[in-house]
């Protein structure tokens, strides 16, 4: 069986083709980063229009690169939510049109289920149960998974997502969107001991990053880094030290809850997915704690951490294998920007 995945939940127009044995046949992504950079974040109206312009060409390229014909596609999987409603509608409408024209089933995939299924791209048989951390610009959630398609929420952020905190801290220092990769690069040149940031004492598996952002802002104002009289090399060193301290605070806050969950939930593995899973310090700390605790660790390669259609195709395959084609037609696939997963 040949599966076409489509992802348009935010600012990436993506399509990918896989086989039902998990083989990746093609992966095409049209990024809107340059379009939104000057605004410091994603502009929903612009994102929707860009998806309309790109989706036909992106899907066509993915199918051509797969070595198959469009008529040979057996299943379409599309992100149905959560996300920006205008962006979601583009992908869902296109997928349903293909389903109707080709007379093949279409399945709506939850975006977070897609991120979790990204692990299967490189780790087709992970050990379950797992603790799964979904961490990105819009999500910071901790799950207990019994398999790729089943689980329950352990806890989530009470305010801002970890990825949003990275973006806002980078922007306050004058850097472009997205800020996560920039913070990671700066932090590798800085001293994480130079600046200490608060770590909220929250019960169980809850997260919070608003206090960290406020502390970061106050330190910047105190240091007057924007002062034109400050030498550029000194400003760069302060930026690197701030990035290193802020990054460590975010990563250790995440790891504190992951370690707690591993110890209390009696799991066999740790999964970390989402855009922030590409962060070098987080990847290293997850592997260190996994080795210390004696559990397996599963982190997708960086190219599969950010939004992509391979993960959506994989999640669609998981749903197909679990429920079959008849149940997939119920209920109809609709775009739902506020879709709750588990």
C-alpha atoms as a PDB file:
ATOM      1  CA  UNK A   1       0.000   0.000   0.000  1.00  0.00           C
ATOM      2  CA  UNK A   2       1.238   3.501  -0.898  1.00  0.00           C
ATOM      3  CA  UNK A   3       0.387   6.358   1.507  1.00  0.00           C
ATOM      4  CA  UNK A   4       0.455  10.071   0.689  1.00  0.00           C
ATOM      5  CA  UNK A   5       0.842  12.398   3.682  1.00  0.00           C
ATOM      6  CA  UNK A   6      -0.087  16.098   3.608  1.00  0.00           C
ATOM      7  CA  UNK A   7       0.805  18.685   6.277  1.00  0.00           C
ATOM      8  CA  UNK A   8      -0.398  22.322   6.276  1.00  0.00           C
ATOM      9  CA  UNK A   9      -1.174  23.052   9.919  1.00  0.00           C
ATOM     10  CA  UNK A  10       1.046  26.135  10.240  1.00  0.00           C
ATOM     11  CA  UNK A  11       3.804  27.539   8.023  1.00  0.00           C
ATOM     12  CA  UNK A  12       5.125  24.486   6.165  1.00  0.00           C
ATOM     13  CA  UNK A  13       3.468  23.111   3.040  1.00  0.00           C
ATOM     14  CA  UNK A  14       4.619  19.499   3.007  1.00  0.00           C
ATOM     15  CA  UNK A  15       3.869  16.228   1.231  1.00  0.00           C
ATOM     16  CA  UNK A  16       5.490  12.815   1.522  1.00  0.00           C
ATOM     17  CA  UNK A  17       4.956   9.307   0.200  1.00  0.00           C
ATOM     18  CA  UNK A  18       5.690   6.107   2.146  1.00  0.00           C
ATOM     19  CA  UNK A  19       5.010   2.383   1.709  1.00  0.00           C
ATOM     20  CA  UNK A  20       3.127   0.357   4.290  1.00  0.00           C
ATOM     21  CA  UNK A  21       6.392  -1.326   5.302  1.00  0.00           C
ATOM     22  CA  UNK A  22       7.545   2.106   6.504  1.00  0.00           C
ATOM     23  CA  UNK A  23       9.879   2.797   3.569  1.00  0.00           C
ATOM     24  CA  UNK A  24      10.233   6.510   2.861  1.00  0.00           C
ATOM     25  CA  UNK A  25       9.794   7.201  -0.856  1.00  0.00           C
ATOM     26  CA  UNK A  26       9.734  11.006  -0.947  1.00  0.00           C
ATOM     27  CA  UNK A  27       9.643  14.024   1.369  1.00  0.00           C
ATOM     28  CA  UNK A  28       8.997  17.560   0.079  1.00  0.00           C
ATOM     29  CA  UNK A  29       8.709  20.704   2.220  1.00  0.00           C
ATOM     30  CA  UNK A  30       8.010  24.267   1.083  1.00  0.00           C
ATOM     31  CA  UNK A  31       8.931  26.552   3.985  1.00  0.00           C
ATOM     32  CA  UNK A  32       7.352  29.946   4.685  1.00  0.00           C
ATOM     33  CA  UNK A  33      10.048  31.053   7.163  1.00  0.00           C
ATOM     34  CA  UNK A  34      11.311  33.889   4.939  1.00  0.00           C
ATOM     35  CA  UNK A  35       7.747  35.100   4.400  1.00  0.00           C
ATOM     36  CA  UNK A  36       7.022  35.440   8.137  1.00  0.00           C
ATOM     37  CA  UNK A  37      10.488  36.405   9.402  1.00  0.00           C
ATOM     38  CA  UNK A  38       9.991  40.160   9.132  1.00  0.00           C
ATOM     39  CA  UNK A  39       6.877  39.889  11.315  1.00  0.00           C
ATOM     40  CA  UNK A  40       8.652  37.934  14.075  1.00  0.00           C
ATOM     41  CA  UNK A  41       6.178  35.044  13.842  1.00  0.00           C
ATOM     42  CA  UNK A  42       3.581  33.323  11.682  1.00  0.00           C
ATOM     43  CA  UNK A  43       0.852  35.542  10.183  1.00  0.00           C
ATOM     44  CA  UNK A  44      -2.204  33.242   9.722  1.00  0.00           C
ATOM     45  CA  UNK A  45      -3.649  35.023   6.682  1.00  0.00           C
ATOM     46  CA  UNK A  46      -0.335  34.959   4.832  1.00  0.00           C
ATOM     47  CA  UNK A  47       0.206  31.313   5.787  1.00  0.00           C
ATOM     48  CA  UNK A  48      -3.142  30.270   4.334  1.00  0.00           C
ATOM     49  CA  UNK A  49      -2.557  32.065   1.047  1.00  0.00           C
ATOM     50  CA  UNK A  50       0.916  30.589   0.710  1.00  0.00           C
ATOM     51  CA  UNK A  51      -0.453  27.061   1.242  1.00  0.00           C
ATOM     52  CA  UNK A  52      -3.016  27.603  -1.537  1.00  0.00           C
ATOM     53  CA  UNK A  53      -0.236  28.638  -3.913  1.00  0.00           C
ATOM     54  CA  UNK A  54       2.142  25.814  -3.001  1.00  0.00           C
ATOM     55  CA  UNK A  55       0.150  22.688  -2.209  1.00  0.00           C
ATOM     56  CA  UNK A  56      -0.524  21.458  -5.744  1.00  0.00           C
ATOM     57  CA  UNK A  57       3.115  21.704  -6.782  1.00  0.00           C
ATOM     58  CA  UNK A  58       4.375  20.206  -3.509  1.00  0.00           C
ATOM     59  CA  UNK A  59       2.085  17.165  -3.752  1.00  0.00           C
ATOM     60  CA  UNK A  60       2.930  16.665  -7.435  1.00  0.00           C
ATOM     61  CA  UNK A  61       6.672  16.799  -6.682  1.00  0.00           C
ATOM     62  CA  UNK A  62       6.317  14.322  -3.802  1.00  0.00           C
ATOM     63  CA  UNK A  63       4.428  11.841  -5.967  1.00  0.00           C
ATOM     64  CA  UNK A  64       6.887  12.186  -8.857  1.00  0.00           C
ATOM     65  CA  UNK A  65       9.900  11.684  -6.589  1.00  0.00           C
ATOM     66  CA  UNK A  66       8.307   8.572  -5.062  1.00  0.00           C
ATOM     67  CA  UNK A  67       8.521   6.695  -8.361  1.00  0.00           C
ATOM     68  CA  UNK A  68       4.776   6.003  -8.352  1.00  0.00           C
ATOM     69  CA  UNK A  69       1.867   7.554 -10.210  1.00  0.00           C
ATOM     70  CA  UNK A  70      -0.855   9.527  -8.483  1.00  0.00           C
ATOM     71  CA  UNK A  71      -3.291   6.799  -9.553  1.00  0.00           C
ATOM     72  CA  UNK A  72      -1.231   4.277  -7.536  1.00  0.00           C
ATOM     73  CA  UNK A  73      -1.751   6.066  -4.198  1.00  0.00           C
ATOM     74  CA  UNK A  74      -3.917   3.889  -1.906  1.00  0.00           C
ATOM     75  CA  UNK A  75      -4.434   6.158   1.116  1.00  0.00           C
ATOM     76  CA  UNK A  76      -4.265   9.892   1.885  1.00  0.00           C
ATOM     77  CA  UNK A  77      -3.380  11.078   5.396  1.00  0.00           C
ATOM     78  CA  UNK A  78      -3.740  14.775   6.207  1.00  0.00           C
ATOM     79  CA  UNK A  79      -3.282  16.943   9.277  1.00  0.00           C
ATOM     80  CA  UNK A  80      -6.809  17.855  10.410  1.00  0.00           C
ATOM     81  CA  UNK A  81      -5.855  19.752  13.589  1.00  0.00           C
ATOM     82  CA  UNK A  82      -4.896  21.460  15.731  1.00  0.00           C
ATOM     83  CA  UNK A  83      -3.422  24.422  13.917  1.00  0.00           C
ATOM     84  CA  UNK A  84      -4.365  27.571  12.022  1.00  0.00           C
ATOM     85  CA  UNK A  85      -7.863  27.109  10.635  1.00  0.00           C
ATOM     86  CA  UNK A  86      -7.096  28.686   7.242  1.00  0.00           C
ATOM     87  CA  UNK A  87      -3.954  26.599   6.836  1.00  0.00           C
ATOM     88  CA  UNK A  88      -5.683  23.387   7.903  1.00  0.00           C
ATOM     89  CA  UNK A  89      -8.559  23.932   5.474  1.00  0.00           C
ATOM     90  CA  UNK A  90      -6.169  24.060   2.533  1.00  0.00           C
ATOM     91  CA  UNK A  91      -4.650  20.670   3.311  1.00  0.00           C
ATOM     92  CA  UNK A  92      -7.916  18.987   4.303  1.00  0.00           C
ATOM     93  CA  UNK A  93      -9.769  20.269   1.221  1.00  0.00           C
ATOM     94  CA  UNK A  94      -6.979  19.139  -1.095  1.00  0.00           C
ATOM     95  CA  UNK A  95      -6.777  15.695   0.563  1.00  0.00           C
ATOM     96  CA  UNK A  96     -10.529  15.155   0.371  1.00  0.00           C
ATOM     97  CA  UNK A  97     -10.542  16.179  -3.275  1.00  0.00           C
ATOM     98  CA  UNK A  98      -7.834  13.601  -4.010  1.00  0.00           C
ATOM     99  CA  UNK A  99      -9.766  11.001  -2.050  1.00  0.00           C
ATOM    100  CA  UNK A 100     -12.912  11.686  -4.085  1.00  0.00           C
ATOM    101  CA  UNK A 101     -11.121  11.765  -7.440  1.00  0.00           C
ATOM    102  CA  UNK A 102      -9.031   8.631  -6.835  1.00  0.00           C
ATOM    103  CA  UNK A 103     -11.760   6.774  -4.876  1.00  0.00           C
ATOM    104  CA  UNK A 104      -9.386   6.013  -1.999  1.00  0.00           C
ATOM    105  CA  UNK A 105      -9.822   6.502   1.761  1.00  0.00           C
ATOM    106  CA  UNK A 106      -8.645   9.651   3.533  1.00  0.00           C
ATOM    107  CA  UNK A 107      -7.769   9.836   7.230  1.00  0.00           C
ATOM    108  CA  UNK A 108      -7.483  12.961   9.360  1.00  0.00           C
ATOM    109  CA  UNK A 109      -4.401  12.935  11.567  1.00  0.00           C
ATOM    110  CA  UNK A 110      -3.922  14.844  14.796  1.00  0.00           C
ATOM    111  CA  UNK A 111      -0.794  16.974  14.517  1.00  0.00           C
ATOM    112  CA  UNK A 112       0.623  15.711  17.831  1.00  0.00           C
ATOM    113  CA  UNK A 113      -0.055  12.097  16.838  1.00  0.00           C
ATOM    114  CA  UNK A 114       1.968  12.899  13.733  1.00  0.00           C
ATOM    115  CA  UNK A 115       4.909  14.171  15.781  1.00  0.00           C
ATOM    116  CA  UNK A 116       4.805  11.048  17.935  1.00  0.00           C
ATOM    117  CA  UNK A 117       4.695   8.852  14.833  1.00  0.00           C
ATOM    118  CA  UNK A 118       7.835  10.616  13.570  1.00  0.00           C
ATOM    119  CA  UNK A 119       9.735   8.273  15.880  1.00  0.00           C
ATOM    120  CA  UNK A 120       8.601   5.344  13.694  1.00  0.00           C
ATOM    121  CA  UNK A 121      10.491   6.768  10.700  1.00  0.00           C
ATOM    122  CA  UNK A 122      13.772   5.612  12.247  1.00  0.00           C
ATOM    123  CA  UNK A 123      12.601   3.430  15.158  1.00  0.00           C
ATOM    124  CA  UNK A 124       9.811   1.185  13.803  1.00  0.00           C
ATOM    125  CA  UNK A 125       9.628  -0.990  16.938  1.00  0.00           C
ATOM    126  CA  UNK A 126      10.223   1.130  20.056  1.00  0.00           C
ATOM    127  CA  UNK A 127       9.725  -0.313  23.518  1.00  0.00           C
ATOM    128  CA  UNK A 128       6.379   0.554  25.115  1.00  0.00           C
ATOM    129  CA  UNK A 129       5.112   1.934  27.415  1.00  0.00           C
ATOM    130  CA  UNK A 130       6.936   5.230  26.912  1.00  0.00           C
ATOM    131  CA  UNK A 131       6.990   8.706  28.346  1.00  0.00           C
ATOM    132  CA  UNK A 132       6.625  11.078  25.385  1.00  0.00           C
ATOM    133  CA  UNK A 133       7.545  14.764  25.519  1.00  0.00           C
ATOM    134  CA  UNK A 134       5.993  16.850  22.739  1.00  0.00           C
ATOM    135  CA  UNK A 135       7.831  20.164  22.712  1.00  0.00           C
ATOM    136  CA  UNK A 136       7.563  22.876  20.054  1.00  0.00           C
ATOM    137  CA  UNK A 137       6.633  26.501  19.506  1.00  0.00           C
ATOM    138  CA  UNK A 138       2.992  25.761  20.267  1.00  0.00           C
ATOM    139  CA  UNK A 139       3.102  22.701  22.529  1.00  0.00           C
ATOM    140  CA  UNK A 140       4.773  21.480  25.683  1.00  0.00           C
ATOM    141  CA  UNK A 141       3.029  18.303  26.775  1.00  0.00           C
ATOM    142  CA  UNK A 142       4.025  15.073  28.484  1.00  0.00           C
ATOM    143  CA  UNK A 143       2.227  11.826  27.595  1.00  0.00           C
ATOM    144  CA  UNK A 144       2.175   8.230  28.726  1.00  0.00           C
ATOM    145  CA  UNK A 145       2.001   6.066  25.591  1.00  0.00           C
ATOM    146  CA  UNK A 146       1.029   2.391  25.458  1.00  0.00           C
ATOM    147  CA  UNK A 147       1.603   2.403  21.666  1.00  0.00           C
ATOM    148  CA  UNK A 148       1.844   4.980  18.875  1.00  0.00           C
ATOM    149  CA  UNK A 149      -1.910   5.476  18.781  1.00  0.00           C
ATOM    150  CA  UNK A 150      -2.889   5.166  22.444  1.00  0.00           C
ATOM    151  CA  UNK A 151      -1.987   7.104  25.544  1.00  0.00           C
ATOM    152  CA  UNK A 152      -3.023   9.734  28.036  1.00  0.00           C
ATOM    153  CA  UNK A 153      -1.862  13.210  28.950  1.00  0.00           C
ATOM    154  CA  UNK A 154       0.272  13.454  32.079  1.00  0.00           C
ATOM    155  CA  UNK A 155       0.786  17.205  32.099  1.00  0.00           C
ATOM    156  CA  UNK A 156       1.366  20.324  30.023  1.00  0.00           C
ATOM    157  CA  UNK A 157       2.459  23.933  30.199  1.00  0.00           C
ATOM    158  CA  UNK A 158       0.294  26.315  32.201  1.00  0.00           C
ATOM    159  CA  UNK A 159       1.218  29.257  29.990  1.00  0.00           C
ATOM    160  CA  UNK A 160       3.841  29.468  27.236  1.00  0.00           C
ATOM    161  CA  UNK A 161       5.360  26.637  25.215  1.00  0.00           C
ATOM    162  CA  UNK A 162       9.099  25.984  25.465  1.00  0.00           C
ATOM    163  CA  UNK A 163       9.619  26.762  21.785  1.00  0.00           C
ATOM    164  CA  UNK A 164       7.812  30.076  22.164  1.00  0.00           C
ATOM    165  CA  UNK A 165      10.126  30.954  25.053  1.00  0.00           C
ATOM    166  CA  UNK A 166      13.156  30.274  22.832  1.00  0.00           C
ATOM    167  CA  UNK A 167      11.689  32.441  20.048  1.00  0.00           C
ATOM    168  CA  UNK A 168      10.838  35.349  22.376  1.00  0.00           C
ATOM    169  CA  UNK A 169      14.243  35.320  24.073  1.00  0.00           C
ATOM    170  CA  UNK A 170      16.020  35.378  20.718  1.00  0.00           C
ATOM    171  CA  UNK A 171      13.790  38.193  19.491  1.00  0.00           C
ATOM    172  CA  UNK A 172      14.524  40.271  22.596  1.00  0.00           C
ATOM    173  CA  UNK A 173      18.205  40.038  21.726  1.00  0.00           C
ATOM    174  CA  UNK A 174      17.449  41.247  18.206  1.00  0.00           C
ATOM    175  CA  UNK A 175      17.582  37.978  16.280  1.00  0.00           C
ATOM    176  CA  UNK A 176      15.247  36.748  13.552  1.00  0.00           C
ATOM    177  CA  UNK A 177      12.418  34.223  13.731  1.00  0.00           C
ATOM    178  CA  UNK A 178      12.620  31.295  14.326  1.00  0.00           C
ATOM    179  CA  UNK A 179      14.711  31.796  17.443  1.00  0.00           C
ATOM    180  CA  UNK A 180      15.233  28.214  18.608  1.00  0.00           C
ATOM    181  CA  UNK A 181      18.103  27.308  16.238  1.00  0.00           C
ATOM    182  CA  UNK A 182      19.749  30.705  16.874  1.00  0.00           C
ATOM    183  CA  UNK A 183      19.592  30.224  20.653  1.00  0.00           C
ATOM    184  CA  UNK A 184      21.111  26.761  20.272  1.00  0.00           C
ATOM    185  CA  UNK A 185      24.010  28.080  18.190  1.00  0.00           C
ATOM    186  CA  UNK A 186      24.681  30.999  20.547  1.00  0.00           C
ATOM    187  CA  UNK A 187      24.493  28.792  23.631  1.00  0.00           C
ATOM    188  CA  UNK A 188      27.282  26.562  22.351  1.00  0.00           C
ATOM    189  CA  UNK A 189      29.607  29.584  22.565  1.00  0.00           C
ATOM    190  CA  UNK A 190      28.416  30.787  25.979  1.00  0.00           C
ATOM    191  CA  UNK A 191      28.838  30.064  29.682  1.00  0.00           C
ATOM    192  CA  UNK A 192      25.617  28.643  31.193  1.00  0.00           C
ATOM    193  CA  UNK A 193      26.848  29.570  34.693  1.00  0.00           C
ATOM    194  CA  UNK A 194      27.044  33.309  33.962  1.00  0.00           C
ATOM    195  CA  UNK A 195      23.315  33.969  34.322  1.00  0.00           C
ATOM    196  CA  UNK A 196      20.937  31.937  36.486  1.00  0.00           C
ATOM    197  CA  UNK A 197      17.242  31.838  35.710  1.00  0.00           C
ATOM    198  CA  UNK A 198      14.319  30.808  37.942  1.00  0.00           C
ATOM    199  CA  UNK A 199      12.907  27.292  37.833  1.00  0.00           C
ATOM    200  CA  UNK A 200       9.219  27.136  38.835  1.00  0.00           C
ATOM    201  CA  UNK A 201       8.291  24.639  41.525  1.00  0.00           C
ATOM    202  CA  UNK A 202       5.151  23.147  40.022  1.00  0.00           C
ATOM    203  CA  UNK A 203       3.295  19.991  41.078  1.00  0.00           C
ATOM    204  CA  UNK A 204       3.704  16.708  39.213  1.00  0.00           C
ATOM    205  CA  UNK A 205       4.001  17.127  35.448  1.00  0.00           C
ATOM    206  CA  UNK A 206       3.127  20.784  34.911  1.00  0.00           C
ATOM    207  CA  UNK A 207       5.398  23.250  33.085  1.00  0.00           C
ATOM    208  CA  UNK A 208       5.664  27.049  33.033  1.00  0.00           C
ATOM    209  CA  UNK A 209       7.951  29.341  31.030  1.00  0.00           C
ATOM    210  CA  UNK A 210       6.409  32.822  31.436  1.00  0.00           C
ATOM    211  CA  UNK A 211       8.542  33.597  34.500  1.00  0.00           C
ATOM    212  CA  UNK A 212      11.688  32.643  32.620  1.00  0.00           C
ATOM    213  CA  UNK A 213      10.811  35.018  29.783  1.00  0.00           C
ATOM    214  CA  UNK A 214      10.214  37.852  32.252  1.00  0.00           C
ATOM    215  CA  UNK A 215      13.523  37.194  34.022  1.00  0.00           C
ATOM    216  CA  UNK A 216      15.303  37.151  30.668  1.00  0.00           C
ATOM    217  CA  UNK A 217      13.774  40.517  29.739  1.00  0.00           C
ATOM    218  CA  UNK A 218      14.808  42.106  33.041  1.00  0.00           C
ATOM    219  CA  UNK A 219      18.399  40.908  32.757  1.00  0.00           C
ATOM    220  CA  UNK A 220      18.606  42.330  29.238  1.00  0.00           C
ATOM    221  CA  UNK A 221      17.289  45.670  30.453  1.00  0.00           C
ATOM    222  CA  UNK A 222      19.739  45.695  33.361  1.00  0.00           C
ATOM    223  CA  UNK A 223      22.708  44.901  31.130  1.00  0.00           C
ATOM    224  CA  UNK A 224      21.683  47.565  28.579  1.00  0.00           C
ATOM    225  CA  UNK A 225      22.973  45.299  25.798  1.00  0.00           C
ATOM    226  CA  UNK A 226      21.283  47.515  23.244  1.00  0.00           C
ATOM    227  CA  UNK A 227      23.499  50.428  24.272  1.00  0.00           C
ATOM    228  CA  UNK A 228      25.354  51.622  21.160  1.00  0.00           C
ATOM    229  CA  UNK A 229      28.490  52.265  23.226  1.00  0.00           C
ATOM    230  CA  UNK A 230      28.827  48.570  24.082  1.00  0.00           C
ATOM    231  CA  UNK A 231      31.503  46.932  21.875  1.00  0.00           C
ATOM    232  CA  UNK A 232      30.036  44.395  19.434  1.00  0.00           C
ATOM    233  CA  UNK A 233      32.309  41.568  20.612  1.00  0.00           C
ATOM    234  CA  UNK A 234      31.258  42.138  24.236  1.00  0.00           C
ATOM    235  CA  UNK A 235      27.598  42.258  23.205  1.00  0.00           C
ATOM    236  CA  UNK A 236      28.038  38.957  21.367  1.00  0.00           C
ATOM    237  CA  UNK A 237      29.632  37.325  24.437  1.00  0.00           C
ATOM    238  CA  UNK A 238      26.760  38.500  26.636  1.00  0.00           C
ATOM    239  CA  UNK A 239      24.254  37.178  24.123  1.00  0.00           C
ATOM    240  CA  UNK A 240      26.003  33.796  24.096  1.00  0.00           C
ATOM    241  CA  UNK A 241      26.045  33.627  27.911  1.00  0.00           C
ATOM    242  CA  UNK A 242      22.368  34.637  28.105  1.00  0.00           C
ATOM    243  CA  UNK A 243      21.432  32.049  25.489  1.00  0.00           C
ATOM    244  CA  UNK A 244      23.394  29.358  27.325  1.00  0.00           C
ATOM    245  CA  UNK A 245      21.748  30.185  30.647  1.00  0.00           C
ATOM    246  CA  UNK A 246      18.265  30.466  29.181  1.00  0.00           C
ATOM    247  CA  UNK A 247      18.640  27.259  27.195  1.00  0.00           C
ATOM    248  CA  UNK A 248      19.824  25.336  30.237  1.00  0.00           C
ATOM    249  CA  UNK A 249      16.901  26.632  32.309  1.00  0.00           C
ATOM    250  CA  UNK A 250      14.376  25.495  29.691  1.00  0.00           C
ATOM    251  CA  UNK A 251      15.997  22.109  29.094  1.00  0.00           C
ATOM    252  CA  UNK A 252      16.438  21.303  32.799  1.00  0.00           C
ATOM    253  CA  UNK A 253      12.829  22.288  33.463  1.00  0.00           C
ATOM    254  CA  UNK A 254      11.748  19.811  30.778  1.00  0.00           C
ATOM    255  CA  UNK A 255      14.098  17.076  31.984  1.00  0.00           C
ATOM    256  CA  UNK A 256      12.971  17.403  35.598  1.00  0.00           C
ATOM    257  CA  UNK A 257       9.453  16.364  34.612  1.00  0.00           C
ATOM    258  CA  UNK A 258      10.614  13.680  32.166  1.00  0.00           C
ATOM    259  CA  UNK A 259      12.776  12.022  34.840  1.00  0.00           C
ATOM    260  CA  UNK A 260       9.918  12.233  37.353  1.00  0.00           C
ATOM    261  CA  UNK A 261       7.561  10.567  34.877  1.00  0.00           C
ATOM    262  CA  UNK A 262      10.020   7.772  34.052  1.00  0.00           C
ATOM    263  CA  UNK A 263      10.459   6.986  37.745  1.00  0.00           C
ATOM    264  CA  UNK A 264       6.758   7.146  38.635  1.00  0.00           C
ATOM    265  CA  UNK A 265       5.141   5.662  35.526  1.00  0.00           C
ATOM    266  CA  UNK A 266       7.426   2.606  35.221  1.00  0.00           C
ATOM    267  CA  UNK A 267       8.062   2.957  31.491  1.00  0.00           C
ATOM    268  CA  UNK A 268      10.590   1.351  29.181  1.00  0.00           C
ATOM    269  CA  UNK A 269      11.458   4.356  27.038  1.00  0.00           C
ATOM    270  CA  UNK A 270      11.546   8.111  26.513  1.00  0.00           C
ATOM    271  CA  UNK A 271      10.361   9.787  23.306  1.00  0.00           C
ATOM    272  CA  UNK A 272      11.015  13.452  22.558  1.00  0.00           C
ATOM    273  CA  UNK A 273       9.398  14.968  19.460  1.00  0.00           C
ATOM    274  CA  UNK A 274       8.545  18.375  18.025  1.00  0.00           C
ATOM    275  CA  UNK A 275      10.640  21.279  16.820  1.00  0.00           C
ATOM    276  CA  UNK A 276      12.487  21.777  20.121  1.00  0.00           C
ATOM    277  CA  UNK A 277      13.591  18.115  19.986  1.00  0.00           C
ATOM    278  CA  UNK A 278      16.212  19.338  17.498  1.00  0.00           C
ATOM    279  CA  UNK A 279      17.907  21.295  20.310  1.00  0.00           C
ATOM    280  CA  UNK A 280      21.392  19.863  20.871  1.00  0.00           C
ATOM    281  CA  UNK A 281      21.392  20.238  24.674  1.00  0.00           C
ATOM    282  CA  UNK A 282      17.973  18.610  25.045  1.00  0.00           C
ATOM    283  CA  UNK A 283      19.016  15.684  22.848  1.00  0.00           C
ATOM    284  CA  UNK A 284      22.180  15.170  24.923  1.00  0.00           C
ATOM    285  CA  UNK A 285      20.379  15.415  28.257  1.00  0.00           C
ATOM    286  CA  UNK A 286      17.677  12.946  27.184  1.00  0.00           C
ATOM    287  CA  UNK A 287      20.304  10.374  26.207  1.00  0.00           C
ATOM    288  CA  UNK A 288      22.252  10.944  29.431  1.00  0.00           C
ATOM    289  CA  UNK A 289      19.176  10.470  31.625  1.00  0.00           C
ATOM    290  CA  UNK A 290      17.975   7.503  29.593  1.00  0.00           C
ATOM    291  CA  UNK A 291      21.310   5.775  30.134  1.00  0.00           C
ATOM    292  CA  UNK A 292      21.325   6.656  33.838  1.00  0.00           C
ATOM    293  CA  UNK A 293      17.765   5.380  34.349  1.00  0.00           C
ATOM    294  CA  UNK A 294      18.209   2.295  32.158  1.00  0.00           C
ATOM    295  CA  UNK A 295      15.491   3.109  29.609  1.00  0.00           C
ATOM    296  CA  UNK A 296      15.579   3.397  25.825  1.00  0.00           C
ATOM    297  CA  UNK A 297      15.546   6.858  24.221  1.00  0.00           C
ATOM    298  CA  UNK A 298      13.940   7.778  20.906  1.00  0.00           C
ATOM    299  CA  UNK A 299      14.533  11.183  19.288  1.00  0.00           C
ATOM    300  CA  UNK A 300      13.947  11.679  15.554  1.00  0.00           C
ATOM    301  CA  UNK A 301      16.727  13.129  13.431  1.00  0.00           C
ATOM    302  CA  UNK A 302      16.520  16.945  13.373  1.00  0.00           C
ATOM    303  CA  UNK A 303      14.926  17.029   9.897  1.00  0.00           C
ATOM    304  CA  UNK A 304      11.967  15.043  11.240  1.00  0.00           C
ATOM    305  CA  UNK A 305      11.523  17.140  14.408  1.00  0.00           C
ATOM    306  CA  UNK A 306      10.033  20.155  12.639  1.00  0.00           C
ATOM    307  CA  UNK A 307       6.706  19.912  10.801  1.00  0.00           C
ATOM    308  CA  UNK A 308       6.826  17.466   7.893  1.00  0.00           C
ATOM    309  CA  UNK A 309       4.485  15.183   5.985  1.00  0.00           C
ATOM    310  CA  UNK A 310       6.416  11.956   6.598  1.00  0.00           C
ATOM    311  CA  UNK A 311       5.182  11.928  10.178  1.00  0.00           C
ATOM    312  CA  UNK A 312       1.595  12.507   8.991  1.00  0.00           C
ATOM    313  CA  UNK A 313       1.842   9.603   6.549  1.00  0.00           C
ATOM    314  CA  UNK A 314       3.265   7.415   9.334  1.00  0.00           C
ATOM    315  CA  UNK A 315       0.450   8.385  11.698  1.00  0.00           C
ATOM    316  CA  UNK A 316      -2.074   7.657   8.955  1.00  0.00           C
ATOM    317  CA  UNK A 317      -0.522   4.220   8.507  1.00  0.00           C
ATOM    318  CA  UNK A 318      -0.770   3.604  12.269  1.00  0.00           C
ATOM    319  CA  UNK A 319      -4.470   4.479  12.172  1.00  0.00           C
ATOM    320  CA  UNK A 320      -5.040   2.300   9.119  1.00  0.00           C
ATOM    321  CA  UNK A 321      -3.331  -0.697  10.729  1.00  0.00           C
ATOM    322  CA  UNK A 322      -5.284  -0.194  13.938  1.00  0.00           C
ATOM    323  CA  UNK A 323      -8.777   0.468  12.600  1.00  0.00           C
ATOM    324  CA  UNK A 324      -8.871  -0.526   8.927  1.00  0.00           C
ATOM    325  CA  UNK A 325     -10.346   1.437   6.041  1.00  0.00           C
ATOM    326  CA  UNK A 326     -14.030   1.065   6.972  1.00  0.00           C
ATOM    327  CA  UNK A 327     -13.766   2.767  10.366  1.00  0.00           C
ATOM    328  CA  UNK A 328     -11.593   5.521   8.930  1.00  0.00           C
ATOM    329  CA  UNK A 329     -14.556   6.881   7.003  1.00  0.00           C
ATOM    330  CA  UNK A 330     -16.351   7.590  10.325  1.00  0.00           C
ATOM    331  CA  UNK A 331     -16.465  10.461  11.181  1.00  0.00           C
ATOM    332  CA  UNK A 332     -15.785  12.512   8.049  1.00  0.00           C
ATOM    333  CA  UNK A 333     -12.469  14.335   7.955  1.00  0.00           C
ATOM    334  CA  UNK A 334     -12.894  17.990   8.954  1.00  0.00           C
ATOM    335  CA  UNK A 335     -10.442  20.737   9.872  1.00  0.00           C
ATOM    336  CA  UNK A 336     -10.484  21.332  13.633  1.00  0.00           C
ATOM    337  CA  UNK A 337      -8.065  24.010  14.915  1.00  0.00           C
ATOM    338  CA  UNK A 338      -8.818  23.107  18.565  1.00  0.00           C
ATOM    339  CA  UNK A 339      -8.754  19.318  18.262  1.00  0.00           C
ATOM    340  CA  UNK A 340      -7.855  17.613  21.550  1.00  0.00           C
ATOM    341  CA  UNK A 341      -5.990  14.360  21.124  1.00  0.00           C
ATOM    342  CA  UNK A 342      -5.985  12.314  24.369  1.00  0.00           C
END
